[in-house]
Amino acid sequence: MMPYQRKPDGGQTRDCIDPWFFFLLTSGRELKPCCVHPPVGILENGASLGDLLNGPAMRALRERLITGNLDEACFECPNRPLTDPGSLRRRLRAHLAQAVAHSSP
């Protein structure tokens, strides 16, 4: 079985940083954290996209990935291999540091 098709067992998570750096906004104004995950919210008229991206649903999804307490969509994800939460945190910190470095004048 390919590593992308394996299901996590104890102490594993998906090697996914999409919820920090990527999102999809559907024609129905639904916010999706990736192409696999169901929508985590709807961008209502007059609402802030930033508020939705940093709202409770996205924060909870990020927390679940970091801790390995995956929801069903992430548990079943066919697109990201497995890793341990510590490795994901290190990878995420490195990407966040790189993003900050590139955004500084």
PDB file of N, CA and C in Angstrom:
ATOM      1  N   MET A   1       0.850  -1.177   0.000  1.00  0.00           N
ATOM      2  CA  MET A   1       0.000   0.000   0.000  1.00  0.00           C
ATOM      3  C   MET A   1       0.897   1.243   0.000  1.00  0.00           C
ATOM      4  N   MET A   2       0.566   2.213  -0.817  1.00  0.00           N
ATOM      5  CA  MET A   2       1.329   3.456  -0.903  1.00  0.00           C
ATOM      6  C   MET A   2       1.210   4.232   0.419  1.00  0.00           C
ATOM      7  N   PRO A   3       2.260   4.972   0.811  1.00  0.00           N
ATOM      8  CA  PRO A   3       2.200   5.715   2.075  1.00  0.00           C
ATOM      9  C   PRO A   3       1.062   6.729   2.112  1.00  0.00           C
ATOM     10  N   TYR A   4       0.645   7.229   0.965  1.00  0.00           N
ATOM     11  CA  TYR A   4      -0.444   8.199   0.933  1.00  0.00           C
ATOM     12  C   TYR A   4      -1.792   7.546   1.202  1.00  0.00           C
ATOM     13  N   GLN A   5      -1.865   6.245   1.004  1.00  0.00           N
ATOM     14  CA  GLN A   5      -3.122   5.534   1.194  1.00  0.00           C
ATOM     15  C   GLN A   5      -3.253   4.937   2.586  1.00  0.00           C
ATOM     16  N   ARG A   6      -2.178   4.938   3.349  1.00  0.00           N
ATOM     17  CA  ARG A   6      -2.222   4.362   4.691  1.00  0.00           C
ATOM     18  C   ARG A   6      -3.021   5.252   5.632  1.00  0.00           C
ATOM     19  N   LYS A   7      -3.658   4.620   6.592  1.00  0.00           N
ATOM     20  CA  LYS A   7      -4.390   5.335   7.631  1.00  0.00           C
ATOM     21  C   LYS A   7      -3.461   5.537   8.823  1.00  0.00           C
ATOM     22  N   PRO A   8      -3.554   6.676   9.499  1.00  0.00           N
ATOM     23  CA  PRO A   8      -2.700   6.906  10.666  1.00  0.00           C
ATOM     24  C   PRO A   8      -3.003   5.906  11.771  1.00  0.00           C
ATOM     25  N   ASP A   9      -1.955   5.548  12.502  1.00  0.00           N
ATOM     26  CA  ASP A   9      -2.180   4.785  13.726  1.00  0.00           C
ATOM     27  C   ASP A   9      -1.728   5.686  14.871  1.00  0.00           C
ATOM     28  N   GLY A  10      -1.642   5.182  16.042  1.00  0.00           N
ATOM     29  CA  GLY A  10      -1.297   6.003  17.191  1.00  0.00           C
ATOM     30  C   GLY A  10      -0.034   6.816  16.975  1.00  0.00           C
ATOM     31  N   GLY A  11      -0.090   8.110  17.292  1.00  0.00           N
ATOM     32  CA  GLY A  11       1.072   8.966  17.229  1.00  0.00           C
ATOM     33  C   GLY A  11       1.405   9.516  15.855  1.00  0.00           C
ATOM     34  N   GLN A  12       0.504   9.394  14.889  1.00  0.00           N
ATOM     35  CA  GLN A  12       0.774   9.899  13.549  1.00  0.00           C
ATOM     36  C   GLN A  12      -0.212  10.993  13.164  1.00  0.00           C
ATOM     37  N   THR A  13       0.197  11.778  12.195  1.00  0.00           N
ATOM     38  CA  THR A  13      -0.651  12.797  11.612  1.00  0.00           C
ATOM     39  C   THR A  13      -0.336  12.855  10.122  1.00  0.00           C
ATOM     40  N   ARG A  14      -0.987  13.722   9.409  1.00  0.00           N
ATOM     41  CA  ARG A  14      -0.692  13.917   7.988  1.00  0.00           C
ATOM     42  C   ARG A  14       0.376  14.998   7.854  1.00  0.00           C
ATOM     43  N   ASP A  15       1.251  14.820   6.887  1.00  0.00           N
ATOM     44  CA  ASP A  15       2.299  15.802   6.612  1.00  0.00           C
ATOM     45  C   ASP A  15       1.683  16.907   5.753  1.00  0.00           C
ATOM     46  N   CYS A  16       0.878  17.741   6.389  1.00  0.00           N
ATOM     47  CA  CYS A  16       0.073  18.722   5.664  1.00  0.00           C
ATOM     48  C   CYS A  16       0.160  20.085   6.340  1.00  0.00           C
ATOM     49  N   ILE A  17       0.602  21.077   5.561  1.00  0.00           N
ATOM     50  CA  ILE A  17       0.620  22.448   6.071  1.00  0.00           C
ATOM     51  C   ILE A  17      -0.358  23.324   5.288  1.00  0.00           C
ATOM     52  N   ASP A  18      -1.205  22.708   4.491  1.00  0.00           N
ATOM     53  CA  ASP A  18      -2.175  23.467   3.701  1.00  0.00           C
ATOM     54  C   ASP A  18      -3.024  24.432   4.541  1.00  0.00           C
ATOM     55  N   PRO A  19      -3.562  24.041   5.680  1.00  0.00           N
ATOM     56  CA  PRO A  19      -4.432  24.971   6.410  1.00  0.00           C
ATOM     57  C   PRO A  19      -3.741  26.264   6.877  1.00  0.00           C
ATOM     58  N   TRP A  20      -2.432  26.320   6.786  1.00  0.00           N
ATOM     59  CA  TRP A  20      -1.693  27.532   7.145  1.00  0.00           C
ATOM     60  C   TRP A  20      -1.362  28.382   5.925  1.00  0.00           C
ATOM     61  N   PHE A  21      -1.296  27.769   4.735  1.00  0.00           N
ATOM     62  CA  PHE A  21      -0.781  28.460   3.558  1.00  0.00           C
ATOM     63  C   PHE A  21      -1.680  28.402   2.325  1.00  0.00           C
ATOM     64  N   PHE A  22      -2.803  27.760   2.403  1.00  0.00           N
ATOM     65  CA  PHE A  22      -3.611  27.506   1.213  1.00  0.00           C
ATOM     66  C   PHE A  22      -5.079  27.439   1.605  1.00  0.00           C
ATOM     67  N   PHE A  23      -5.941  27.828   0.697  1.00  0.00           N
ATOM     68  CA  PHE A  23      -7.371  27.597   0.873  1.00  0.00           C
ATOM     69  C   PHE A  23      -8.041  27.651  -0.491  1.00  0.00           C
ATOM     70  N   LEU A  24      -9.227  27.110  -0.564  1.00  0.00           N
ATOM     71  CA  LEU A  24     -10.074  27.204  -1.746  1.00  0.00           C
ATOM     72  C   LEU A  24     -11.347  27.927  -1.338  1.00  0.00           C
ATOM     73  N   LEU A  25     -11.809  28.814  -2.188  1.00  0.00           N
ATOM     74  CA  LEU A  25     -13.095  29.460  -1.982  1.00  0.00           C
ATOM     75  C   LEU A  25     -13.960  29.057  -3.167  1.00  0.00           C
ATOM     76  N   THR A  26     -14.997  28.285  -2.901  1.00  0.00           N
ATOM     77  CA  THR A  26     -15.835  27.758  -3.975  1.00  0.00           C
ATOM     78  C   THR A  26     -16.752  28.853  -4.518  1.00  0.00           C
ATOM     79  N   SER A  27     -17.398  28.553  -5.627  1.00  0.00           N
ATOM     80  CA  SER A  27     -18.348  29.507  -6.205  1.00  0.00           C
ATOM     81  C   SER A  27     -19.527  29.750  -5.270  1.00  0.00           C
ATOM     82  N   GLY A  28     -19.758  28.812  -4.356  1.00  0.00           N
ATOM     83  CA  GLY A  28     -20.803  28.981  -3.349  1.00  0.00           C
ATOM     84  C   GLY A  28     -20.304  29.700  -2.105  1.00  0.00           C
ATOM     85  N   ARG A  29     -19.096  30.258  -2.176  1.00  0.00           N
ATOM     86  CA  ARG A  29     -18.450  31.011  -1.098  1.00  0.00           C
ATOM     87  C   ARG A  29     -18.101  30.135   0.100  1.00  0.00           C
ATOM     88  N   GLU A  30     -17.935  28.846  -0.136  1.00  0.00           N
ATOM     89  CA  GLU A  30     -17.528  27.923   0.918  1.00  0.00           C
ATOM     90  C   GLU A  30     -16.008  27.917   1.013  1.00  0.00           C
ATOM     91  N   LEU A  31     -15.499  27.976   2.222  1.00  0.00           N
ATOM     92  CA  LEU A  31     -14.065  27.938   2.455  1.00  0.00           C
ATOM     93  C   LEU A  31     -13.637  26.505   2.705  1.00  0.00           C
ATOM     94  N   LYS A  32     -12.708  26.030   1.873  1.00  0.00           N
ATOM     95  CA  LYS A  32     -12.156  24.690   2.027  1.00  0.00           C
ATOM     96  C   LYS A  32     -10.666  24.818   2.309  1.00  0.00           C
ATOM     97  N   PRO A  33     -10.136  24.094   3.296  1.00  0.00           N
ATOM     98  CA  PRO A  33      -8.721  24.185   3.619  1.00  0.00           C
ATOM     99  C   PRO A  33      -7.819  23.432   2.639  1.00  0.00           C
ATOM    100  N   CYS A  34      -8.406  22.626   1.772  1.00  0.00           N
ATOM    101  CA  CYS A  34      -7.668  21.896   0.740  1.00  0.00           C
ATOM    102  C   CYS A  34      -8.691  21.330  -0.229  1.00  0.00           C
ATOM    103  N   CYS A  35      -8.214  20.592  -1.212  1.00  0.00           N
ATOM    104  CA  CYS A  35      -9.142  20.052  -2.204  1.00  0.00           C
ATOM    105  C   CYS A  35      -9.902  18.824  -1.717  1.00  0.00           C
ATOM    106  N   VAL A  36      -9.470  18.220  -0.615  1.00  0.00           N
ATOM    107  CA  VAL A  36     -10.097  17.003  -0.101  1.00  0.00           C
ATOM    108  C   VAL A  36     -11.095  17.301   1.019  1.00  0.00           C
ATOM    109  N   HIS A  37     -10.754  18.220   1.873  1.00  0.00           N
ATOM    110  CA  HIS A  37     -11.540  18.491   3.082  1.00  0.00           C
ATOM    111  C   HIS A  37     -12.848  19.193   2.747  1.00  0.00           C
ATOM    112  N   PRO A  38     -13.931  18.819   3.423  1.00  0.00           N
ATOM    113  CA  PRO A  38     -15.191  19.543   3.207  1.00  0.00           C
ATOM    114  C   PRO A  38     -15.065  20.986   3.718  1.00  0.00           C
ATOM    115  N   PRO A  39     -15.974  21.847   3.303  1.00  0.00           N
ATOM    116  CA  PRO A  39     -15.916  23.238   3.736  1.00  0.00           C
ATOM    117  C   PRO A  39     -15.944  23.370   5.260  1.00  0.00           C
ATOM    118  N   VAL A  40     -15.221  24.375   5.735  1.00  0.00           N
ATOM    119  CA  VAL A  40     -15.202  24.661   7.179  1.00  0.00           C
ATOM    120  C   VAL A  40     -15.964  25.932   7.503  1.00  0.00           C
ATOM    121  N   GLY A  41     -16.501  26.584   6.490  1.00  0.00           N
ATOM    122  CA  GLY A  41     -17.277  27.796   6.712  1.00  0.00           C
ATOM    123  C   GLY A  41     -17.736  28.380   5.398  1.00  0.00           C
ATOM    124  N   ILE A  42     -18.584  29.389   5.511  1.00  0.00           N
ATOM    125  CA  ILE A  42     -19.112  30.095   4.346  1.00  0.00           C
ATOM    126  C   ILE A  42     -18.829  31.577   4.525  1.00  0.00           C
ATOM    127  N   LEU A  43     -18.306  32.186   3.474  1.00  0.00           N
ATOM    128  CA  LEU A  43     -18.030  33.613   3.492  1.00  0.00           C
ATOM    129  C   LEU A  43     -19.344  34.347   3.250  1.00  0.00           C
ATOM    130  N   GLU A  44     -19.899  34.847   4.317  1.00  0.00           N
ATOM    131  CA  GLU A  44     -21.183  35.556   4.241  1.00  0.00           C
ATOM    132  C   GLU A  44     -20.971  36.971   3.712  1.00  0.00           C
ATOM    133  N   ASN A  45     -22.030  37.579   3.181  1.00  0.00           N
ATOM    134  CA  ASN A  45     -21.957  38.964   2.718  1.00  0.00           C
ATOM    135  C   ASN A  45     -21.506  39.864   3.861  1.00  0.00           C
ATOM    136  N   GLY A  46     -20.529  40.709   3.576  1.00  0.00           N
ATOM    137  CA  GLY A  46     -20.025  41.645   4.571  1.00  0.00           C
ATOM    138  C   GLY A  46     -19.037  41.054   5.550  1.00  0.00           C
ATOM    139  N   ALA A  47     -18.793  39.748   5.457  1.00  0.00           N
ATOM    140  CA  ALA A  47     -17.854  39.090   6.381  1.00  0.00           C
ATOM    141  C   ALA A  47     -16.426  39.263   5.884  1.00  0.00           C
ATOM    142  N   SER A  48     -15.491  39.091   6.777  1.00  0.00           N
ATOM    143  CA  SER A  48     -14.080  39.198   6.456  1.00  0.00           C
ATOM    144  C   SER A  48     -13.506  37.814   6.159  1.00  0.00           C
ATOM    145  N   LEU A  49     -12.813  37.692   5.028  1.00  0.00           N
ATOM    146  CA  LEU A  49     -12.150  36.432   4.711  1.00  0.00           C
ATOM    147  C   LEU A  49     -11.109  36.112   5.775  1.00  0.00           C
ATOM    148  N   GLY A  50     -10.394  37.117   6.250  1.00  0.00           N
ATOM    149  CA  GLY A  50      -9.401  36.915   7.306  1.00  0.00           C
ATOM    150  C   GLY A  50     -10.013  36.334   8.563  1.00  0.00           C
ATOM    151  N   ASP A  51     -11.201  36.825   8.916  1.00  0.00           N
ATOM    152  CA  ASP A  51     -11.872  36.285  10.105  1.00  0.00           C
ATOM    153  C   ASP A  51     -12.225  34.819   9.920  1.00  0.00           C
ATOM    154  N   LEU A  52     -12.627  34.450   8.716  1.00  0.00           N
ATOM    155  CA  LEU A  52     -12.966  33.056   8.440  1.00  0.00           C
ATOM    156  C   LEU A  52     -11.709  32.178   8.433  1.00  0.00           C
ATOM    157  N   LEU A  53     -10.632  32.690   7.828  1.00  0.00           N
ATOM    158  CA  LEU A  53      -9.381  31.933   7.774  1.00  0.00           C
ATOM    159  C   LEU A  53      -8.761  31.737   9.150  1.00  0.00           C
ATOM    160  N   ASN A  54      -9.012  32.646  10.058  1.00  0.00           N
ATOM    161  CA  ASN A  54      -8.464  32.556  11.409  1.00  0.00           C
ATOM    162  C   ASN A  54      -9.533  32.256  12.453  1.00  0.00           C
ATOM    163  N   GLY A  55     -10.697  31.822  11.981  1.00  0.00           N
ATOM    164  CA  GLY A  55     -11.807  31.536  12.881  1.00  0.00           C
ATOM    165  C   GLY A  55     -11.672  30.192  13.583  1.00  0.00           C
ATOM    166  N   PRO A  56     -12.637  29.893  14.417  1.00  0.00           N
ATOM    167  CA  PRO A  56     -12.588  28.673  15.235  1.00  0.00           C
ATOM    168  C   PRO A  56     -12.457  27.375  14.439  1.00  0.00           C
ATOM    169  N   ALA A  57     -13.126  27.269  13.304  1.00  0.00           N
ATOM    170  CA  ALA A  57     -13.072  26.015  12.537  1.00  0.00           C
ATOM    171  C   ALA A  57     -11.670  25.777  11.974  1.00  0.00           C
ATOM    172  N   MET A  58     -11.046  26.812  11.422  1.00  0.00           N
ATOM    173  CA  MET A  58      -9.690  26.655  10.877  1.00  0.00           C
ATOM    174  C   MET A  58      -8.681  26.451  11.996  1.00  0.00           C
ATOM    175  N   ARG A  59      -8.834  27.157  13.106  1.00  0.00           N
ATOM    176  CA  ARG A  59      -7.905  26.958  14.231  1.00  0.00           C
ATOM    177  C   ARG A  59      -8.017  25.536  14.769  1.00  0.00           C
ATOM    178  N   ALA A  60      -9.231  25.015  14.842  1.00  0.00           N
ATOM    179  CA  ALA A  60      -9.427  23.644  15.328  1.00  0.00           C
ATOM    180  C   ALA A  60      -8.805  22.633  14.365  1.00  0.00           C
ATOM    181  N   LEU A  61      -8.960  22.854  13.069  1.00  0.00           N
ATOM    182  CA  LEU A  61      -8.362  21.955  12.077  1.00  0.00           C
ATOM    183  C   LEU A  61      -6.845  21.951  12.210  1.00  0.00           C
ATOM    184  N   ARG A  62      -6.251  23.131  12.337  1.00  0.00           N
ATOM    185  CA  ARG A  62      -4.797  23.228  12.506  1.00  0.00           C
ATOM    186  C   ARG A  62      -4.344  22.511  13.774  1.00  0.00           C
ATOM    187  N   GLU A  63      -5.068  22.704  14.847  1.00  0.00           N
ATOM    188  CA  GLU A  63      -4.732  22.055  16.122  1.00  0.00           C
ATOM    189  C   GLU A  63      -4.801  20.535  15.994  1.00  0.00           C
ATOM    190  N   ARG A  64      -5.831  20.031  15.306  1.00  0.00           N
ATOM    191  CA  ARG A  64      -5.970  18.581  15.125  1.00  0.00           C
ATOM    192  C   ARG A  64      -4.805  18.014  14.327  1.00  0.00           C
ATOM    193  N   LEU A  65      -4.359  18.732  13.308  1.00  0.00           N
ATOM    194  CA  LEU A  65      -3.203  18.260  12.534  1.00  0.00           C
ATOM    195  C   LEU A  65      -1.944  18.244  13.391  1.00  0.00           C
ATOM    196  N   ILE A  66      -1.717  19.298  14.143  1.00  0.00           N
ATOM    197  CA  ILE A  66      -0.507  19.411  14.968  1.00  0.00           C
ATOM    198  C   ILE A  66      -0.458  18.335  16.052  1.00  0.00           C
ATOM    199  N   THR A  67      -1.603  17.960  16.578  1.00  0.00           N
ATOM    200  CA  THR A  67      -1.632  16.984  17.672  1.00  0.00           C
ATOM    201  C   THR A  67      -1.836  15.543  17.193  1.00  0.00           C
ATOM    202  N   GLY A  68      -2.204  15.369  15.923  1.00  0.00           N
ATOM    203  CA  GLY A  68      -2.472  14.024  15.425  1.00  0.00           C
ATOM    204  C   GLY A  68      -3.856  13.528  15.759  1.00  0.00           C
ATOM    205  N   ASN A  69      -4.725  14.428  16.213  1.00  0.00           N
ATOM    206  CA  ASN A  69      -6.117  14.084  16.525  1.00  0.00           C
ATOM    207  C   ASN A  69      -6.967  14.436  15.302  1.00  0.00           C
ATOM    208  N   LEU A  70      -6.788  13.690  14.218  1.00  0.00           N
ATOM    209  CA  LEU A  70      -7.340  14.045  12.921  1.00  0.00           C
ATOM    210  C   LEU A  70      -8.844  13.868  12.833  1.00  0.00           C
ATOM    211  N   ASP A  71      -9.474  14.782  12.081  1.00  0.00           N
ATOM    212  CA  ASP A  71     -10.879  14.580  11.760  1.00  0.00           C
ATOM    213  C   ASP A  71     -10.966  13.534  10.649  1.00  0.00           C
ATOM    214  N   GLU A  72     -12.157  13.160  10.275  1.00  0.00           N
ATOM    215  CA  GLU A  72     -12.334  12.066   9.309  1.00  0.00           C
ATOM    216  C   GLU A  72     -11.700  12.383   7.962  1.00  0.00           C
ATOM    217  N   ALA A  73     -11.866  13.602   7.462  1.00  0.00           N
ATOM    218  CA  ALA A  73     -11.322  13.952   6.148  1.00  0.00           C
ATOM    219  C   ALA A  73      -9.796  13.848   6.136  1.00  0.00           C
ATOM    220  N   CYS A  74      -9.146  14.340   7.170  1.00  0.00           N
ATOM    221  CA  CYS A  74      -7.679  14.262   7.238  1.00  0.00           C
ATOM    222  C   CYS A  74      -7.222  12.825   7.477  1.00  0.00           C
ATOM    223  N   PHE A  75      -7.959  12.099   8.303  1.00  0.00           N
ATOM    224  CA  PHE A  75      -7.638  10.703   8.565  1.00  0.00           C
ATOM    225  C   PHE A  75      -7.637   9.907   7.264  1.00  0.00           C
ATOM    226  N   GLU A  76      -8.611  10.157   6.416  1.00  0.00           N
ATOM    227  CA  GLU A  76      -8.782   9.411   5.164  1.00  0.00           C
ATOM    228  C   GLU A  76      -8.036  10.022   3.986  1.00  0.00           C
ATOM    229  N   CYS A  77      -7.350  11.129   4.165  1.00  0.00           N
ATOM    230  CA  CYS A  77      -6.739  11.886   3.073  1.00  0.00           C
ATOM    231  C   CYS A  77      -5.832  11.016   2.198  1.00  0.00           C
ATOM    232  N   PRO A  78      -6.071  11.031   0.880  1.00  0.00           N
ATOM    233  CA  PRO A  78      -5.224  10.265  -0.027  1.00  0.00           C
ATOM    234  C   PRO A  78      -4.035  11.074  -0.568  1.00  0.00           C
ATOM    235  N   ASN A  79      -3.941  12.348  -0.209  1.00  0.00           N
ATOM    236  CA  ASN A  79      -2.952  13.236  -0.828  1.00  0.00           C
ATOM    237  C   ASN A  79      -1.705  13.503  -0.010  1.00  0.00           C
ATOM    238  N   ARG A  80      -1.728  13.275   1.281  1.00  0.00           N
ATOM    239  CA  ARG A  80      -0.585  13.598   2.131  1.00  0.00           C
ATOM    240  C   ARG A  80      -0.114  12.354   2.867  1.00  0.00           C
ATOM    241  N   PRO A  81       1.212  12.142   2.895  1.00  0.00           N
ATOM    242  CA  PRO A  81       1.744  10.983   3.617  1.00  0.00           C
ATOM    243  C   PRO A  81       1.655  11.202   5.124  1.00  0.00           C
ATOM    244  N   LEU A  82       1.960  10.156   5.840  1.00  0.00           N
ATOM    245  CA  LEU A  82       1.947  10.220   7.295  1.00  0.00           C
ATOM    246  C   LEU A  82       3.276  10.752   7.827  1.00  0.00           C
ATOM    247  N   THR A  83       3.212  11.363   8.983  1.00  0.00           N
ATOM    248  CA  THR A  83       4.394  11.807   9.705  1.00  0.00           C
ATOM    249  C   THR A  83       4.042  11.828  11.184  1.00  0.00           C
ATOM    250  N   ASP A  84       5.005  12.167  11.998  1.00  0.00           N
ATOM    251  CA  ASP A  84       4.700  12.318  13.427  1.00  0.00           C
ATOM    252  C   ASP A  84       4.451  13.804  13.703  1.00  0.00           C
ATOM    253  N   PRO A  85       3.668  14.121  14.737  1.00  0.00           N
ATOM    254  CA  PRO A  85       3.351  15.522  15.030  1.00  0.00           C
ATOM    255  C   PRO A  85       4.578  16.410  15.233  1.00  0.00           C
ATOM    256  N   GLY A  86       5.623  15.909  15.854  1.00  0.00           N
ATOM    257  CA  GLY A  86       6.827  16.710  16.053  1.00  0.00           C
ATOM    258  C   GLY A  86       7.468  17.121  14.737  1.00  0.00           C
ATOM    259  N   SER A  87       7.532  16.212  13.799  1.00  0.00           N
ATOM    260  CA  SER A  87       8.094  16.529  12.478  1.00  0.00           C
ATOM    261  C   SER A  87       7.224  17.548  11.748  1.00  0.00           C
ATOM    262  N   LEU A  88       5.916  17.409  11.865  1.00  0.00           N
ATOM    263  CA  LEU A  88       5.025  18.382  11.241  1.00  0.00           C
ATOM    264  C   LEU A  88       5.230  19.764  11.862  1.00  0.00           C
ATOM    265  N   ARG A  89       5.349  19.845  13.177  1.00  0.00           N
ATOM    266  CA  ARG A  89       5.581  21.141  13.837  1.00  0.00           C
ATOM    267  C   ARG A  89       6.887  21.770  13.363  1.00  0.00           C
ATOM    268  N   ARG A  90       7.949  20.979  13.247  1.00  0.00           N
ATOM    269  CA  ARG A  90       9.233  21.511  12.771  1.00  0.00           C
ATOM    270  C   ARG A  90       9.115  22.019  11.332  1.00  0.00           C
ATOM    271  N   ARG A  91       8.461  21.248  10.489  1.00  0.00           N
ATOM    272  CA  ARG A  91       8.269  21.662   9.095  1.00  0.00           C
ATOM    273  C   ARG A  91       7.447  22.945   9.022  1.00  0.00           C
ATOM    274  N   LEU A  92       6.401  23.012   9.813  1.00  0.00           N
ATOM    275  CA  LEU A  92       5.550  24.199   9.827  1.00  0.00           C
ATOM    276  C   LEU A  92       6.322  25.424  10.308  1.00  0.00           C
ATOM    277  N   ARG A  93       7.091  25.279  11.397  1.00  0.00           N
ATOM    278  CA  ARG A  93       7.896  26.411  11.890  1.00  0.00           C
ATOM    279  C   ARG A  93       8.865  26.900  10.821  1.00  0.00           C
ATOM    280  N   ALA A  94       9.496  25.981  10.108  1.00  0.00           N
ATOM    281  CA  ALA A  94      10.436  26.366   9.056  1.00  0.00           C
ATOM    282  C   ALA A  94       9.726  27.135   7.937  1.00  0.00           C
ATOM    283  N   HIS A  95       8.549  26.666   7.523  1.00  0.00           N
ATOM    284  CA  HIS A  95       7.804  27.355   6.468  1.00  0.00           C
ATOM    285  C   HIS A  95       7.312  28.721   6.945  1.00  0.00           C
ATOM    286  N   LEU A  96       6.854  28.799   8.173  1.00  0.00           N
ATOM    287  CA  LEU A  96       6.405  30.085   8.702  1.00  0.00           C
ATOM    288  C   LEU A  96       7.565  31.077   8.789  1.00  0.00           C
ATOM    289  N   ALA A  97       8.726  30.616   9.224  1.00  0.00           N
ATOM    290  CA  ALA A  97       9.893  31.493   9.301  1.00  0.00           C
ATOM    291  C   ALA A  97      10.288  31.963   7.901  1.00  0.00           C
ATOM    292  N   GLN A  98      10.226  31.077   6.939  1.00  0.00           N
ATOM    293  CA  GLN A  98      10.574  31.434   5.561  1.00  0.00           C
ATOM    294  C   GLN A  98       9.563  32.451   5.014  1.00  0.00           C
ATOM    295  N   ALA A  99       8.292  32.256   5.315  1.00  0.00           N
ATOM    296  CA  ALA A  99       7.261  33.196   4.830  1.00  0.00           C
ATOM    297  C   ALA A  99       7.485  34.581   5.443  1.00  0.00           C
ATOM    298  N   VAL A 100       7.806  34.631   6.720  1.00  0.00           N
ATOM    299  CA  VAL A 100       8.065  35.913   7.375  1.00  0.00           C
ATOM    300  C   VAL A 100       9.306  36.573   6.781  1.00  0.00           C
ATOM    301  N   ALA A 101      10.348  35.809   6.546  1.00  0.00           N
ATOM    302  CA  ALA A 101      11.582  36.350   5.969  1.00  0.00           C
ATOM    303  C   ALA A 101      11.334  36.930   4.583  1.00  0.00           C
ATOM    304  N   HIS A 102      10.491  36.276   3.786  1.00  0.00           N
ATOM    305  CA  HIS A 102      10.210  36.751   2.442  1.00  0.00           C
ATOM    306  C   HIS A 102       9.249  37.935   2.426  1.00  0.00           C
ATOM    307  N   SER A 103       8.522  38.138   3.498  1.00  0.00           N
ATOM    308  CA  SER A 103       7.577  39.258   3.525  1.00  0.00           C
ATOM    309  C   SER A 103       8.209  40.522   4.104  1.00  0.00           C
ATOM    310  N   SER A 104       9.389  40.406   4.674  1.00  0.00           N
ATOM    311  CA  SER A 104      10.069  41.579   5.240  1.00  0.00           C
ATOM    312  C   SER A 104      10.773  42.350   4.136  1.00  0.00           C
ATOM    313  N   PRO A 105      10.730  43.709   4.222  1.00  0.00           N
ATOM    314  CA  PRO A 105      11.390  44.505   3.182  1.00  0.00           C
ATOM    315  C   PRO A 105      12.899  44.409   3.230  1.00  0.00           C
TER     316      PRO A 105
END
